[in-house]
């Protein structure tokens, strides 16, 4: 079992930055691929970014590439996503997710690959 708690959401102006955090319970964090997803009102949940167990591999949605950075600290059981140059279209509820993996280098981009989810944190970008 992995429990995930996101924090760091809020209201910022376009062009601003936010850093979301996701704290995981248990001793299995280092066994998980970690991902961030988001869901805007009336839209399907979409992939944002993911990081491998080792932290050595990352993958991003095209819409956030170059603006968002995912990172993790296995000693702190925490994953972050640094979001810069925010746009109104980034407005959404952001969810942290975990997927157990035998590979230390794999990443996952499909929500179906993730078995554990946080409750989400709201990010609102004003124009």
C-alpha atoms as a PDB file:
ATOM      1  CA  UNK A   1       0.000   0.000   0.000  1.00  0.00           C
ATOM      2  CA  UNK A   2       1.110   3.499  -0.817  1.00  0.00           C
ATOM      3  CA  UNK A   3      -0.655   6.599   0.391  1.00  0.00           C
ATOM      4  CA  UNK A   4       0.011   9.832  -1.439  1.00  0.00           C
ATOM      5  CA  UNK A   5      -0.641  13.384  -0.290  1.00  0.00           C
ATOM      6  CA  UNK A   6      -0.182  16.323  -2.636  1.00  0.00           C
ATOM      7  CA  UNK A   7       0.433  19.910  -1.616  1.00  0.00           C
ATOM      8  CA  UNK A   8       1.559  23.183  -3.113  1.00  0.00           C
ATOM      9  CA  UNK A   9      -1.357  24.089  -5.317  1.00  0.00           C
ATOM     10  CA  UNK A  10      -2.789  27.581  -5.462  1.00  0.00           C
ATOM     11  CA  UNK A  11      -3.684  30.593  -7.546  1.00  0.00           C
ATOM     12  CA  UNK A  12      -0.958  32.321  -9.527  1.00  0.00           C
ATOM     13  CA  UNK A  13      -0.800  34.697 -12.450  1.00  0.00           C
ATOM     14  CA  UNK A  14       0.204  33.564 -15.905  1.00  0.00           C
ATOM     15  CA  UNK A  15       3.959  33.422 -16.192  1.00  0.00           C
ATOM     16  CA  UNK A  16       4.370  32.516 -12.565  1.00  0.00           C
ATOM     17  CA  UNK A  17       5.667  29.368 -10.910  1.00  0.00           C
ATOM     18  CA  UNK A  18       4.469  26.738  -8.494  1.00  0.00           C
ATOM     19  CA  UNK A  19       6.095  23.702  -6.964  1.00  0.00           C
ATOM     20  CA  UNK A  20       3.849  20.773  -6.177  1.00  0.00           C
ATOM     21  CA  UNK A  21       4.915  18.161  -3.658  1.00  0.00           C
ATOM     22  CA  UNK A  22       3.717  14.625  -3.137  1.00  0.00           C
ATOM     23  CA  UNK A  23       4.590  12.850   0.081  1.00  0.00           C
ATOM     24  CA  UNK A  24       4.306   9.077   0.125  1.00  0.00           C
ATOM     25  CA  UNK A  25       3.811   6.824   3.108  1.00  0.00           C
ATOM     26  CA  UNK A  26       5.437   3.470   3.613  1.00  0.00           C
ATOM     27  CA  UNK A  27       8.774   1.970   2.730  1.00  0.00           C
ATOM     28  CA  UNK A  28       7.924   1.189  -0.866  1.00  0.00           C
ATOM     29  CA  UNK A  29       8.370   4.624  -2.423  1.00  0.00           C
ATOM     30  CA  UNK A  30      11.688   3.701  -3.997  1.00  0.00           C
ATOM     31  CA  UNK A  31       9.983   0.736  -5.680  1.00  0.00           C
ATOM     32  CA  UNK A  32       7.575   2.987  -7.547  1.00  0.00           C
ATOM     33  CA  UNK A  33       7.551   4.932 -10.742  1.00  0.00           C
ATOM     34  CA  UNK A  34       6.020   8.277  -9.807  1.00  0.00           C
ATOM     35  CA  UNK A  35       3.840  10.358 -12.041  1.00  0.00           C
ATOM     36  CA  UNK A  36       1.849  13.545 -12.154  1.00  0.00           C
ATOM     37  CA  UNK A  37      -1.448  13.847 -13.959  1.00  0.00           C
ATOM     38  CA  UNK A  38      -3.972  16.654 -14.213  1.00  0.00           C
ATOM     39  CA  UNK A  39      -7.639  17.029 -14.905  1.00  0.00           C
ATOM     40  CA  UNK A  40      -9.384  20.208 -15.928  1.00  0.00           C
ATOM     41  CA  UNK A  41     -13.149  20.634 -15.550  1.00  0.00           C
ATOM     42  CA  UNK A  42     -14.996  18.807 -18.287  1.00  0.00           C
ATOM     43  CA  UNK A  43     -11.845  17.144 -19.574  1.00  0.00           C
ATOM     44  CA  UNK A  44     -10.256  13.753 -19.171  1.00  0.00           C
ATOM     45  CA  UNK A  45      -7.317  13.205 -16.867  1.00  0.00           C
ATOM     46  CA  UNK A  46      -4.078  13.700 -18.758  1.00  0.00           C
ATOM     47  CA  UNK A  47      -0.480  12.757 -18.205  1.00  0.00           C
ATOM     48  CA  UNK A  48       1.924  15.501 -17.150  1.00  0.00           C
ATOM     49  CA  UNK A  49       5.236  13.937 -16.142  1.00  0.00           C
ATOM     50  CA  UNK A  50       6.795  10.777 -14.746  1.00  0.00           C
ATOM     51  CA  UNK A  51      10.068   9.768 -13.169  1.00  0.00           C
ATOM     52  CA  UNK A  52      11.697   6.374 -12.830  1.00  0.00           C
ATOM     53  CA  UNK A  53      12.476   4.683  -9.550  1.00  0.00           C
ATOM     54  CA  UNK A  54      16.087   5.788  -9.702  1.00  0.00           C
ATOM     55  CA  UNK A  55      15.207   9.304 -10.780  1.00  0.00           C
ATOM     56  CA  UNK A  56      17.459   8.922 -13.772  1.00  0.00           C
ATOM     57  CA  UNK A  57      14.714   8.860 -16.377  1.00  0.00           C
ATOM     58  CA  UNK A  58      11.927  11.363 -16.844  1.00  0.00           C
ATOM     59  CA  UNK A  59       9.234  11.911 -19.431  1.00  0.00           C
ATOM     60  CA  UNK A  60       6.935  14.857 -20.036  1.00  0.00           C
ATOM     61  CA  UNK A  61       3.802  15.679 -21.934  1.00  0.00           C
ATOM     62  CA  UNK A  62       4.542  17.872 -24.927  1.00  0.00           C
ATOM     63  CA  UNK A  63       2.356  20.589 -23.450  1.00  0.00           C
ATOM     64  CA  UNK A  64       4.639  21.023 -20.421  1.00  0.00           C
ATOM     65  CA  UNK A  65       8.028  20.090 -21.826  1.00  0.00           C
ATOM     66  CA  UNK A  66      10.588  22.760 -21.104  1.00  0.00           C
ATOM     67  CA  UNK A  67       8.399  24.374 -18.447  1.00  0.00           C
ATOM     68  CA  UNK A  68       7.872  21.598 -15.863  1.00  0.00           C
ATOM     69  CA  UNK A  69      10.510  19.554 -14.074  1.00  0.00           C
ATOM     70  CA  UNK A  70       9.796  16.404 -12.098  1.00  0.00           C
ATOM     71  CA  UNK A  71      12.188  15.226  -9.396  1.00  0.00           C
ATOM     72  CA  UNK A  72      12.222  12.854  -6.447  1.00  0.00           C
ATOM     73  CA  UNK A  73      14.082  12.117  -3.254  1.00  0.00           C
ATOM     74  CA  UNK A  74      13.749   8.486  -2.216  1.00  0.00           C
ATOM     75  CA  UNK A  75      15.188   9.226   1.215  1.00  0.00           C
ATOM     76  CA  UNK A  76      12.361  11.702   1.818  1.00  0.00           C
ATOM     77  CA  UNK A  77       9.638   9.660   0.100  1.00  0.00           C
ATOM     78  CA  UNK A  78       8.756  12.736  -1.901  1.00  0.00           C
ATOM     79  CA  UNK A  79       8.272  13.659  -5.543  1.00  0.00           C
ATOM     80  CA  UNK A  80       7.956  17.193  -6.821  1.00  0.00           C
ATOM     81  CA  UNK A  81       6.988  18.940  -9.985  1.00  0.00           C
ATOM     82  CA  UNK A  82       8.377  22.413 -10.518  1.00  0.00           C
ATOM     83  CA  UNK A  83       6.082  24.339 -12.819  1.00  0.00           C
ATOM     84  CA  UNK A  84       7.388  27.483 -14.488  1.00  0.00           C
ATOM     85  CA  UNK A  85       5.985  29.845 -17.107  1.00  0.00           C
ATOM     86  CA  UNK A  86       2.502  28.806 -16.140  1.00  0.00           C
ATOM     87  CA  UNK A  87      -0.357  29.373 -18.548  1.00  0.00           C
ATOM     88  CA  UNK A  88      -4.114  29.595 -17.995  1.00  0.00           C
ATOM     89  CA  UNK A  89      -4.450  26.265 -19.784  1.00  0.00           C
ATOM     90  CA  UNK A  90      -2.414  24.661 -16.999  1.00  0.00           C
ATOM     91  CA  UNK A  91      -5.372  25.214 -14.683  1.00  0.00           C
ATOM     92  CA  UNK A  92      -6.462  21.837 -13.345  1.00  0.00           C
ATOM     93  CA  UNK A  93      -6.506  19.525 -10.389  1.00  0.00           C
ATOM     94  CA  UNK A  94      -3.086  17.885 -10.227  1.00  0.00           C
ATOM     95  CA  UNK A  95      -2.723  14.315  -9.034  1.00  0.00           C
ATOM     96  CA  UNK A  96       0.288  12.359  -7.891  1.00  0.00           C
ATOM     97  CA  UNK A  97       0.365   8.658  -8.755  1.00  0.00           C
ATOM     98  CA  UNK A  98       2.551   5.659  -7.998  1.00  0.00           C
ATOM     99  CA  UNK A  99       3.205   2.484  -9.950  1.00  0.00           C
ATOM    100  CA  UNK A 100       5.214  -0.417  -8.597  1.00  0.00           C
ATOM    101  CA  UNK A 101       7.939  -1.467 -10.983  1.00  0.00           C
ATOM    102  CA  UNK A 102      10.705  -4.056 -11.073  1.00  0.00           C
ATOM    103  CA  UNK A 103      12.693  -1.783 -13.352  1.00  0.00           C
ATOM    104  CA  UNK A 104      14.691   1.098 -11.930  1.00  0.00           C
ATOM    105  CA  UNK A 105      14.745   2.888 -15.251  1.00  0.00           C
ATOM    106  CA  UNK A 106      11.251   2.545 -16.692  1.00  0.00           C
ATOM    107  CA  UNK A 107       8.708   5.317 -16.780  1.00  0.00           C
ATOM    108  CA  UNK A 108       4.946   5.167 -17.350  1.00  0.00           C
ATOM    109  CA  UNK A 109       2.645   7.603 -19.080  1.00  0.00           C
ATOM    110  CA  UNK A 110      -0.749   5.868 -19.002  1.00  0.00           C
ATOM    111  CA  UNK A 111      -3.004   6.360 -16.006  1.00  0.00           C
ATOM    112  CA  UNK A 112      -3.970   2.685 -16.117  1.00  0.00           C
ATOM    113  CA  UNK A 113      -0.396   1.775 -15.212  1.00  0.00           C
ATOM    114  CA  UNK A 114      -0.669   3.526 -11.865  1.00  0.00           C
ATOM    115  CA  UNK A 115      -2.274   1.761  -8.947  1.00  0.00           C
ATOM    116  CA  UNK A 116      -2.128   4.453  -6.318  1.00  0.00           C
ATOM    117  CA  UNK A 117      -3.380   8.012  -6.458  1.00  0.00           C
ATOM    118  CA  UNK A 118      -3.450  11.047  -4.241  1.00  0.00           C
ATOM    119  CA  UNK A 119      -6.485  13.225  -3.652  1.00  0.00           C
ATOM    120  CA  UNK A 120      -5.223  16.038  -5.842  1.00  0.00           C
ATOM    121  CA  UNK A 121      -4.303  19.678  -5.415  1.00  0.00           C
ATOM    122  CA  UNK A 122      -5.879  22.528  -7.362  1.00  0.00           C
ATOM    123  CA  UNK A 123      -3.780  24.772  -9.556  1.00  0.00           C
ATOM    124  CA  UNK A 124      -5.425  27.878 -10.981  1.00  0.00           C
ATOM    125  CA  UNK A 125      -3.638  30.214 -13.363  1.00  0.00           C
ATOM    126  CA  UNK A 126      -5.139  33.629 -13.966  1.00  0.00           C
ATOM    127  CA  UNK A 127      -4.570  35.495 -17.195  1.00  0.00           C
END
